[in-house]
C-alpha atoms as a PDB file:
ATOM      1  CA  MET A   1     -51.238  -4.570  10.727  1.00  0.00           C
ATOM      2  CA  LYS A   2     -47.887  -5.002  12.539  1.00  0.00           C
ATOM      3  CA  VAL A   3     -44.889  -2.777  11.949  1.00  0.00           C
ATOM      4  CA  PRO A   4     -41.798  -4.710  11.280  1.00  0.00           C
ATOM      5  CA  ALA A   5     -39.175  -4.686  13.973  1.00  0.00           C
ATOM      6  CA  SER A   6     -36.553  -2.851  11.768  1.00  0.00           C
ATOM      7  CA  LYS A   7     -38.994   0.082  11.382  1.00  0.00           C
ATOM      8  CA  ARG A   8     -39.872   0.346  14.975  1.00  0.00           C
ATOM      9  CA  GLY A   9     -37.999   2.580  17.440  1.00  0.00           C
ATOM     10  CA  ALA A  10     -36.160   1.324  20.494  1.00  0.00           C
ATOM     11  CA  PRO A  11     -38.249  -0.681  22.889  1.00  0.00           C
ATOM     12  CA  GLY A  12     -40.113   1.550  25.218  1.00  0.00           C
ATOM     13  CA  LEU A  13     -39.527   4.680  23.060  1.00  0.00           C
ATOM     14  CA  PRO A  14     -42.159   6.266  20.795  1.00  0.00           C
ATOM     15  CA  SER A  15     -41.225   6.065  17.109  1.00  0.00           C
ATOM     16  CA  HIS A  16     -41.146   9.853  16.662  1.00  0.00           C
ATOM     17  CA  THR A  17     -38.033  10.033  18.894  1.00  0.00           C
ATOM     18  CA  ASN A  18     -35.686   8.858  16.052  1.00  0.00           C
ATOM     19  CA  SER A  19     -36.913  11.638  13.842  1.00  0.00           C
ATOM     20  CA  VAL A  20     -36.221  14.247  16.531  1.00  0.00           C
ATOM     21  CA  ARG A  21     -32.627  13.001  17.020  1.00  0.00           C
ATOM     22  CA  LYS A  22     -32.066  13.229  13.182  1.00  0.00           C
ATOM     23  CA  ALA A  23     -33.412  16.741  13.234  1.00  0.00           C
ATOM     24  CA  GLN A  24     -31.140  17.732  16.075  1.00  0.00           C
ATOM     25  CA  GLY A  25     -28.136  16.223  14.333  1.00  0.00           C
ATOM     26  CA  MET A  26     -28.945  18.144  11.104  1.00  0.00           C
ATOM     27  CA  ALA A  27     -29.354  21.417  13.180  1.00  0.00           C
ATOM     28  CA  LEU A  28     -25.821  20.695  14.711  1.00  0.00           C
ATOM     29  CA  ILE A  29     -24.363  20.194  11.219  1.00  0.00           C
ATOM     30  CA  GLU A  30     -26.069  23.389   9.853  1.00  0.00           C
ATOM     31  CA  ALA A  31     -24.833  25.399  12.866  1.00  0.00           C
ATOM     32  CA  LEU A  32     -21.212  24.209  12.198  1.00  0.00           C
ATOM     33  CA  VAL A  33     -21.420  25.081   8.616  1.00  0.00           C
ATOM     34  CA  ALA A  34     -22.880  28.416   9.409  1.00  0.00           C
ATOM     35  CA  SER A  35     -20.048  29.157  12.019  1.00  0.00           C
ATOM     36  CA  TRP A  36     -17.387  28.134   9.449  1.00  0.00           C
ATOM     37  CA  VAL A  37     -18.914  30.541   6.760  1.00  0.00           C
ATOM     38  CA  LEU A  38     -19.030  33.347   9.485  1.00  0.00           C
ATOM     39  CA  ALA A  39     -15.371  32.765  10.430  1.00  0.00           C
ATOM     40  CA  LEU A  40     -14.257  32.819   6.874  1.00  0.00           C
ATOM     41  CA  SER A  41     -16.165  36.101   6.351  1.00  0.00           C
ATOM     42  CA  VAL A  42     -14.546  37.734   9.297  1.00  0.00           C
ATOM     43  CA  THR A  43     -11.114  36.575   8.245  1.00  0.00           C
ATOM     44  CA  ALA A  44     -11.564  38.048   4.795  1.00  0.00           C
ATOM     45  CA  ALA A  45     -12.894  41.313   6.173  1.00  0.00           C
ATOM     46  CA  THR A  46      -9.959  41.531   8.596  1.00  0.00           C
ATOM     47  CA  ARG A  47      -7.421  40.981   5.770  1.00  0.00           C
ATOM     48  CA  LEU A  48      -9.086  43.587   3.580  1.00  0.00           C
ATOM     49  CA  THR A  49      -8.995  46.052   6.522  1.00  0.00           C
ATOM     50  CA  LEU A  50      -5.255  45.348   7.136  1.00  0.00           C
ATOM     51  CA  HIS A  51      -4.533  45.627   3.369  1.00  0.00           C
ATOM     52  CA  THR A  52      -6.300  49.054   3.364  1.00  0.00           C
ATOM     53  CA  LEU A  53      -4.314  50.260   6.413  1.00  0.00           C
ATOM     54  CA  TYR A  54      -1.019  49.203   4.804  1.00  0.00           C
ATOM     55  CA  THR A  55      -1.934  50.883   1.521  1.00  0.00           C
ATOM     56  CA  ALA A  56      -2.865  54.124   3.311  1.00  0.00           C
ATOM     57  CA  SER A  57       0.334  54.050   5.280  1.00  0.00           C
ATOM     58  CA  ASP A  58       2.354  53.331   2.240  1.00  0.00           C
ATOM     59  CA  THR A  59       0.695  56.221   0.294  1.00  0.00           C
ATOM     60  CA  ARG A  60       1.300  58.674   3.201  1.00  0.00           C
ATOM     61  CA  GLN A  61       5.050  57.646   3.306  1.00  0.00           C
ATOM     62  CA  ARG A  62       5.482  58.073  -0.453  1.00  0.00           C
ATOM     63  CA  THR A  63       3.748  61.444  -0.417  1.00  0.00           C
ATOM     64  CA  VAL A  64       6.111  62.679   2.386  1.00  0.00           C
ATOM     65  CA  ALA A  65       9.153  61.209   0.480  1.00  0.00           C
ATOM     66  CA  LEU A  66       8.080  62.983  -2.753  1.00  0.00           C
ATOM     67  CA  ALA A  67       7.681  66.329  -0.928  1.00  0.00           C
ATOM     68  CA  LEU A  68      11.122  65.993   0.593  1.00  0.00           C
ATOM     69  CA  ALA A  69      12.625  65.086  -2.837  1.00  0.00           C
ATOM     70  CA  LEU A  70      10.946  67.883  -4.577  1.00  0.00           C
ATOM     71  CA  ASP A  71      12.275  70.450  -1.970  1.00  0.00           C
ATOM     72  CA  ALA A  72      15.851  69.133  -2.352  1.00  0.00           C
ATOM     73  CA  MET A  73      15.541  69.154  -6.005  1.00  0.00           C
ATOM     74  CA  ASP A  74      14.286  72.726  -6.038  1.00  0.00           C
ATOM     75  CA  CYS A  75      17.102  73.807  -3.884  1.00  0.00           C
ATOM     76  CA  HIS A  76      19.779  72.195  -6.143  1.00  0.00           C
ATOM     77  CA  GLN A  77      18.042  73.525  -9.341  1.00  0.00           C
ATOM     78  CA  SER A  78      18.045  77.029  -8.053  1.00  0.00           C
ATOM     79  CA  GLY A  79      21.824  76.848  -7.295  1.00  0.00           C
ATOM     80  CA  ARG A  80      21.333  78.201  -3.761  1.00  0.00           C
ATOM     81  CA  ALA A  81      24.112  77.738  -1.420  1.00  0.00           C
ATOM     82  CA  GLY A  82      23.708  75.484   1.517  1.00  0.00           C
ATOM     83  CA  CYS A  83      21.608  72.704  -0.071  1.00  0.00           C
ATOM     84  CA  ALA A  84      22.414  69.593   1.837  1.00  0.00           C
ATOM     85  CA  LEU A  85      23.632  66.584  -0.030  1.00  0.00           C
ATOM     86  CA  GLN A  86      22.698  64.248   2.637  1.00  0.00           C
ATOM     87  CA  ALA A  87      20.047  64.589   5.534  1.00  0.00           C
ATOM     88  CA  SER A  88      17.782  62.651   7.624  1.00  0.00           C
ATOM     89  CA  THR A  89      14.323  63.783   8.574  1.00  0.00           C
ATOM     90  CA  THR A  90      11.700  62.226  10.814  1.00  0.00           C
ATOM     91  CA  VAL A  91       7.961  62.837   9.934  1.00  0.00           C
ATOM     92  CA  GLN A  92       5.291  61.162  11.856  1.00  0.00           C
ATOM     93  CA  GLY A  93       7.609  58.510  13.302  1.00  0.00           C
ATOM     94  CA  THR A  94       9.164  57.453  10.029  1.00  0.00           C
ATOM     95  CA  THR A  95      12.890  58.473   9.336  1.00  0.00           C
ATOM     96  CA  TYR A  96      13.611  59.474   5.645  1.00  0.00           C
ATOM     97  CA  HIS A  97      17.145  59.477   4.426  1.00  0.00           C
ATOM     98  CA  LEU A  98      17.879  61.983   1.669  1.00  0.00           C
ATOM     99  CA  GLN A  99      20.886  61.763  -0.601  1.00  0.00           C
ATOM    100  CA  SER A 100      21.676  64.167  -3.475  1.00  0.00           C
ATOM    101  CA  GLN A 101      24.406  63.745  -6.180  1.00  0.00           C
ATOM    102  CA  MET A 102      25.436  66.222  -8.629  1.00  0.00           C
ATOM    103  CA  GLN A 103      27.652  65.356 -11.523  1.00  0.00           C
ATOM    104  CA  MET A 104      29.047  67.411 -14.584  1.00  0.00           C
ATOM    105  CA  ARG A 105      28.253  65.897 -17.937  1.00  0.00           C
ATOM    106  CA  PRO A 106      31.488  65.634 -19.926  1.00  0.00           C
ATOM    107  CA  GLY A 107      31.659  67.871 -22.963  1.00  0.00           C
ATOM    108  CA  LEU A 108      28.528  69.863 -22.040  1.00  0.00           C
ATOM    109  CA  ALA A 109      27.640  72.662 -19.728  1.00  0.00           C
ATOM    110  CA  LEU A 110      25.062  70.509 -18.042  1.00  0.00           C
ATOM    111  CA  GLU A 111      24.970  69.211 -14.386  1.00  0.00           C
ATOM    112  CA  ASP A 112      23.064  65.981 -13.744  1.00  0.00           C
ATOM    113  CA  LEU A 113      21.043  65.939 -10.403  1.00  0.00           C
ATOM    114  CA  GLN A 114      19.886  62.985  -8.638  1.00  0.00           C
ATOM    115  CA  VAL A 115      17.897  62.956  -5.401  1.00  0.00           C
ATOM    116  CA  ARG A 116      17.183  59.635  -3.552  1.00  0.00           C
ATOM    117  CA  VAL A 117      14.952  59.345  -0.564  1.00  0.00           C
ATOM    118  CA  GLN A 118      14.774  56.013   1.376  1.00  0.00           C
ATOM    119  CA  TRP A 119      12.607  55.025   4.383  1.00  0.00           C
ATOM    120  CA  PRO A 120      11.733  51.795   6.238  1.00  0.00           C
ATOM    121  CA  THR A 121       8.328  50.381   5.564  1.00  0.00           C
ATOM    122  CA  VAL A 122       6.573  47.672   7.523  1.00  0.00           C
ATOM    123  CA  SER A 123       3.894  46.827   4.940  1.00  0.00           C
ATOM    124  CA  PRO A 124       3.585  43.155   3.962  1.00  0.00           C
ATOM    125  CA  ALA A 125       5.317  41.627   0.927  1.00  0.00           C
ATOM    126  CA  TRP A 126       2.110  40.760  -0.934  1.00  0.00           C
ATOM    127  CA  GLY A 127       2.685  37.864  -3.250  1.00  0.00           C
ATOM    128  CA  ALA A 128       6.272  37.093  -1.843  1.00  0.00           C
ATOM    129  CA  VAL A 129       7.308  33.502  -1.277  1.00  0.00           C
ATOM    130  CA  GLY A 130       6.626  32.264   2.170  1.00  0.00           C
ATOM    131  CA  VAL A 131       3.817  34.798   2.858  1.00  0.00           C
ATOM    132  CA  GLY A 132       0.380  33.570   3.605  1.00  0.00           C
ATOM    133  CA  PHE A 133      -1.895  31.888   6.120  1.00  0.00           C
ATOM    134  CA  VAL A 134      -0.730  29.365   8.688  1.00  0.00           C
ATOM    135  CA  ALA A 135      -3.044  26.363   8.744  1.00  0.00           C
ATOM    136  CA  GLY A 136      -5.705  28.504   7.092  1.00  0.00           C
ATOM    137  CA  LEU A 137      -6.347  30.296  10.315  1.00  0.00           C
ATOM    138  CA  GLY A 138      -5.430  33.751   9.179  1.00  0.00           C
ATOM    139  CA  VAL A 139      -2.410  33.897  11.135  1.00  0.00           C
ATOM    140  CA  SER A 140       0.399  35.702   9.232  1.00  0.00           C
ATOM    141  CA  SER A 141       3.846  34.228   8.942  1.00  0.00           C
ATOM    142  CA  PRO A 142       6.603  36.243  10.603  1.00  0.00           C
ATOM    143  CA  LYS A 143       8.278  36.843   7.220  1.00  0.00           C
ATOM    144  CA  GLU A 144       5.340  38.863   6.233  1.00  0.00           C
ATOM    145  CA  THR A 145       6.183  42.001   8.365  1.00  0.00           C
ATOM    146  CA  GLU A 146       9.973  42.033   7.865  1.00  0.00           C
ATOM    147  CA  PRO A 147      11.097  45.660   7.482  1.00  0.00           C
ATOM    148  CA  ARG A 148      11.694  46.673   3.825  1.00  0.00           C
ATOM    149  CA  MET A 149      13.026  49.978   2.433  1.00  0.00           C
ATOM    150  CA  GLY A 150      10.936  52.229   0.394  1.00  0.00           C
ATOM    151  CA  GLU A 151      12.827  54.326  -2.221  1.00  0.00           C
ATOM    152  CA  LEU A 152      12.050  57.352  -4.423  1.00  0.00           C
ATOM    153  CA  VAL A 153      14.595  58.613  -7.010  1.00  0.00           C
ATOM    154  CA  LEU A 154      14.214  61.941  -8.977  1.00  0.00           C
ATOM    155  CA  HIS A 155      16.599  62.868 -11.859  1.00  0.00           C
ATOM    156  CA  SER A 156      17.012  66.135 -13.396  1.00  0.00           C
ATOM    157  CA  SER A 157      19.568  68.378 -15.214  1.00  0.00           C
ATOM    158  CA  ARG A 158      20.491  72.022 -14.906  1.00  0.00           C
ATOM    159  CA  ASP A 159      22.576  74.361 -16.972  1.00  0.00           C
ATOM    160  CA  ALA A 160      25.999  74.771 -15.315  1.00  0.00           C
ATOM    161  CA  VAL A 161      26.664  78.162 -16.701  1.00  0.00           C
ATOM    162  CA  PRO A 162      25.610  80.941 -14.418  1.00  0.00           C
ATOM    163  CA  GLY A 163      22.605  83.112 -15.525  1.00  0.00           C
ATOM    164  CA  TRP A 164      24.532  86.286 -15.670  1.00  0.00           C
ATOM    165  CA  HIS A 165      27.253  84.903 -17.968  1.00  0.00           C
ATOM    166  CA  GLY A 166      27.077  86.116 -21.536  1.00  0.00           C
ATOM    167  CA  VAL A 167      24.086  88.386 -21.014  1.00  0.00           C
ATOM    168  CA  SER A 168      24.553  92.066 -21.755  1.00  0.00           C
ATOM    169  CA  SER A 169      22.496  94.643 -20.071  1.00  0.00           C
ATOM    170  CA  PRO A 170      20.535  97.057 -22.361  1.00  0.00           C
ATOM    171  CA  SER A 171      22.101 100.534 -22.643  1.00  0.00           C
END
């Protein structure tokens, strides 16, 4: 029985050569798909790691800002002399600007206190317009790392009447 010409390989080549070429082509496609999946996985792991680092840095900065604000609030609440209304402090390379305000409430013997701490942050603006991947390669746009300001504000009130006023000592 003769094999039709359409089913025969190229003249002079055995018929199994075509199947070897097809297998090599499929192996190349499988390698390309596997490389793409690996690249996508590495990109996702890198983004997750960067997000974790930004979150840890932001948490550290907020903790330092809270400690500075509480210290200033305690100073003003106690009525000690020499409490600074404005100050700048650098902790671990970040400069924190502290601003305190005290204002009397009209008609009451209360003084409102406000302590504001501001510091520059470099964390990305997740979800902001214009932020994302460039051409799907995982390259961040320059807008993603623009410096922003972190801010913490504490409010409180204290009695404006001195503690010794109107108190009699026992005799």
